C-alpha atoms as a PDB file:
ATOM      1  CA  MET A   1       7.698 -13.064   4.971  1.00  0.00           C
ATOM      2  CA  PRO A   2       6.785 -10.313   7.397  1.00  0.00           C
ATOM      3  CA  ASP A   3       4.524 -11.321  10.273  1.00  0.00           C
ATOM      4  CA  ILE A   4       1.851  -8.836   9.194  1.00  0.00           C
ATOM      5  CA  LEU A   5       0.829 -10.739   6.042  1.00  0.00           C
ATOM      6  CA  PRO A   6      -0.872 -13.739   7.667  1.00  0.00           C
ATOM      7  CA  ALA A   7      -2.893 -11.413   9.909  1.00  0.00           C
ATOM      8  CA  LEU A   8      -4.313  -9.385   7.019  1.00  0.00           C
ATOM      9  CA  PRO A   9      -7.714 -10.216   5.542  1.00  0.00           C
ATOM     10  CA  ASN A  10      -7.621 -12.882   2.865  1.00  0.00           C
ATOM     11  CA  ILE A  11      -9.204 -10.751   0.154  1.00  0.00           C
ATOM     12  CA  LEU A  12      -8.517 -11.383  -3.532  1.00  0.00           C
ATOM     13  CA  PRO A  13      -6.381  -8.258  -4.221  1.00  0.00           C
ATOM     14  CA  LEU A  14      -4.294  -9.022  -1.157  1.00  0.00           C
ATOM     15  CA  ARG A  15      -3.814 -12.635  -2.262  1.00  0.00           C
ATOM     16  CA  LYS A  16      -2.525 -11.413  -5.627  1.00  0.00           C
ATOM     17  CA  LEU A  17      -0.253  -8.924  -3.893  1.00  0.00           C
ATOM     18  CA  ARG A  18       1.011 -11.666  -1.566  1.00  0.00           C
ATOM     19  CA  THR A  19       1.812 -13.809  -4.602  1.00  0.00           C
ATOM     20  CA  THR A  20       3.698 -10.921  -6.217  1.00  0.00           C
ATOM     21  CA  ILE A  21       5.653 -10.337  -3.004  1.00  0.00           C
ATOM     22  CA  GLU A  22       6.425 -14.041  -2.600  1.00  0.00           C
ATOM     23  CA  GLU A  23       7.603 -14.275  -6.209  1.00  0.00           C
ATOM     24  CA  SER A  24       9.872 -11.280  -5.689  1.00  0.00           C
ATOM     25  CA  HIS A  25      11.563 -13.134  -2.826  1.00  0.00           C
ATOM     26  CA  MET A  26      12.155 -16.064  -5.156  1.00  0.00           C
ATOM     27  CA  PHE A  27      13.576 -13.708  -7.804  1.00  0.00           C
ATOM     28  CA  PRO A  28      15.636 -11.129  -5.881  1.00  0.00           C
ATOM     29  CA  GLU A  29      16.612  -9.237  -9.036  1.00  0.00           C
ATOM     30  CA  GLN A  30      13.262  -7.488  -8.702  1.00  0.00           C
ATOM     31  CA  ASN A  31      13.925  -4.633  -6.265  1.00  0.00           C
ATOM     32  CA  ASN A  32      10.318  -3.694  -5.639  1.00  0.00           C
ATOM     33  CA  PRO A  33       7.758  -6.472  -5.131  1.00  0.00           C
ATOM     34  CA  ILE A  34       4.899  -4.330  -6.407  1.00  0.00           C
ATOM     35  CA  GLN A  35       6.730  -3.024  -9.453  1.00  0.00           C
ATOM     36  CA  ALA A  36       5.244  -5.793 -11.553  1.00  0.00           C
ATOM     37  CA  LEU A  37       1.805  -4.266 -11.055  1.00  0.00           C
ATOM     38  CA  ASP A  38       0.993  -1.710 -13.720  1.00  0.00           C
ATOM     39  CA  PHE A  39       0.351   1.703 -12.138  1.00  0.00           C
ATOM     40  CA  THR A  40       0.986   5.216 -13.351  1.00  0.00           C
ATOM     41  CA  SER A  41       3.081   6.343 -10.382  1.00  0.00           C
ATOM     42  CA  VAL A  42       4.641   5.313  -7.103  1.00  0.00           C
ATOM     43  CA  GLU A  43       1.974   7.379  -5.363  1.00  0.00           C
ATOM     44  CA  ASP A  44      -0.768   5.422  -7.124  1.00  0.00           C
ATOM     45  CA  GLN A  45       0.923   2.133  -6.194  1.00  0.00           C
ATOM     46  CA  LEU A  46       0.983   3.135  -2.572  1.00  0.00           C
ATOM     47  CA  LEU A  47      -2.588   4.438  -2.534  1.00  0.00           C
ATOM     48  CA  CYS A  48      -3.864   1.249  -4.186  1.00  0.00           C
ATOM     49  CA  ILE A  49      -2.242  -0.844  -1.492  1.00  0.00           C
ATOM     50  CA  ALA A  50      -3.479   1.481   1.254  1.00  0.00           C
ATOM     51  CA  ALA A  51      -6.990   1.249  -0.226  1.00  0.00           C
ATOM     52  CA  MET A  52      -7.126  -2.441   0.719  1.00  0.00           C
ATOM     53  CA  PHE A  53      -7.480  -1.381   4.348  1.00  0.00           C
ATOM     54  CA  GLU A  54     -10.920  -0.202   5.404  1.00  0.00           C
ATOM     55  CA  GLY A  55     -10.531   2.683   7.805  1.00  0.00           C
ATOM     56  CA  ASN A  56      -7.099   3.478   9.189  1.00  0.00           C
ATOM     57  CA  PHE A  57      -3.827   2.018   7.943  1.00  0.00           C
ATOM     58  CA  SER A  58      -0.347   2.133   9.411  1.00  0.00           C
ATOM     59  CA  ILE A  59       2.896   3.141   7.756  1.00  0.00           C
ATOM     60  CA  ASP A  60       4.348  -0.023   9.328  1.00  0.00           C
ATOM     61  CA  TRP A  61       1.958  -2.147   7.254  1.00  0.00           C
ATOM     62  CA  LEU A  62       2.942  -0.273   4.095  1.00  0.00           C
ATOM     63  CA  VAL A  63       6.644  -0.734   4.847  1.00  0.00           C
ATOM     64  CA  ASP A  64       6.078  -4.496   5.188  1.00  0.00           C
ATOM     65  CA  LEU A  65       3.979  -4.756   2.034  1.00  0.00           C
ATOM     66  CA  THR A  66       5.995  -2.488  -0.271  1.00  0.00           C
ATOM     67  CA  GLY A  67       9.576  -2.712   0.942  1.00  0.00           C
ATOM     68  CA  TYR A  68       9.862   1.077   0.672  1.00  0.00           C
ATOM     69  CA  LYS A  69      11.867   2.938   3.292  1.00  0.00           C
ATOM     70  CA  PRO A  70       9.733   4.709   5.926  1.00  0.00           C
ATOM     71  CA  THR A  71      11.097   8.128   4.938  1.00  0.00           C
ATOM     72  CA  ARG A  72       9.956   7.630   1.343  1.00  0.00           C
ATOM     73  CA  LEU A  73       6.526   6.464   2.483  1.00  0.00           C
ATOM     74  CA  LEU A  74       6.170   9.399   4.861  1.00  0.00           C
ATOM     75  CA  SER A  75       7.055  11.809   2.093  1.00  0.00           C
ATOM     76  CA  ILE A  76       4.413  10.329  -0.210  1.00  0.00           C
ATOM     77  CA  LEU A  77       1.771  10.105   2.509  1.00  0.00           C
ATOM     78  CA  GLU A  78       2.341  13.696   3.640  1.00  0.00           C
ATOM     79  CA  HIS A  79       2.101  14.848   0.021  1.00  0.00           C
ATOM     80  CA  GLU A  80      -1.240  13.034  -0.254  1.00  0.00           C
ATOM     81  CA  VAL A  81      -2.397  14.660   2.998  1.00  0.00           C
ATOM     82  CA  GLY A  82      -1.567  18.015   1.396  1.00  0.00           C
ATOM     83  CA  LYS A  83      -3.684  17.032  -1.631  1.00  0.00           C
ATOM     84  CA  ASN A  84      -6.523  16.185   0.816  1.00  0.00           C
ATOM     85  CA  ARG A  85      -6.688  12.550  -0.326  1.00  0.00           C
ATOM     86  CA  LEU A  86      -5.477  11.244   3.039  1.00  0.00           C
ATOM     87  CA  ALA A  87      -5.757  12.414   6.625  1.00  0.00           C
ATOM     88  CA  MET A  88      -3.303  11.641   9.418  1.00  0.00           C
ATOM     89  CA  LYS A  89      -5.170  10.175  12.409  1.00  0.00           C
ATOM     90  CA  THR A  90      -2.139   9.816  14.669  1.00  0.00           C
ATOM     91  CA  PRO A  91       1.577   9.853  13.836  1.00  0.00           C
ATOM     92  CA  GLY A  92       2.131   6.980  11.398  1.00  0.00           C
ATOM     93  CA  VAL A  93      -1.592   6.211  10.992  1.00  0.00           C
ATOM     94  CA  TYR A  94      -3.553   7.499   8.009  1.00  0.00           C
ATOM     95  CA  THR A  95      -6.975   7.140   6.426  1.00  0.00           C
ATOM     96  CA  PHE A  96      -8.605   8.129   3.170  1.00  0.00           C
ATOM     97  CA  VAL A  97     -10.607  11.347   3.448  1.00  0.00           C
ATOM     98  CA  GLU A  98     -13.249  10.089   0.995  1.00  0.00           C
ATOM     99  CA  THR A  99     -14.474   6.489   0.826  1.00  0.00           C
ATOM    100  CA  ARG A 100     -15.195   6.998  -2.872  1.00  0.00           C
ATOM    101  CA  GLU A 101     -11.506   7.847  -3.455  1.00  0.00           C
ATOM    102  CA  ARG A 102     -10.402   4.708  -1.571  1.00  0.00           C
ATOM    103  CA  LEU A 103     -12.741   2.574  -3.676  1.00  0.00           C
ATOM    104  CA  ARG A 104     -11.443   4.174  -6.888  1.00  0.00           C
ATOM    105  CA  PHE A 105      -7.891   3.119  -5.980  1.00  0.00           C
ATOM    106  CA  LEU A 106      -9.035  -0.304  -4.830  1.00  0.00           C
ATOM    107  CA  LYS A 107     -10.623  -0.944  -8.265  1.00  0.00           C
ATOM    108  CA  GLN A 108      -7.226  -0.385  -9.909  1.00  0.00           C
ATOM    109  CA  LEU A 109      -5.776  -3.523  -8.292  1.00  0.00           C
ATOM    110  CA  PRO A 110      -5.688  -6.611 -10.493  1.00  0.00           C
END
């Protein structure tokens, strides 16, 4: 498992995500560890995971948690910046523009 996981807060959605990720390592036929979660789009998947972080979040954390390539994540994150859902704080570090939007995505996690 990536080193980042033990350092993250032990909140319920993260525990469920950890379990999903751990199960995907036991069953490698699943390409994407978060695919088992039922979301409408890849963008929603990513924003739900990002919503677990209060304040800023790093693309490095998202790479570790999702398994997506950094270029794919950057493309999605920049698209969301263009939609004014996210703001880039520094290169590779983002935050939700509206707390209410972050909480809406957070509620979608199982």
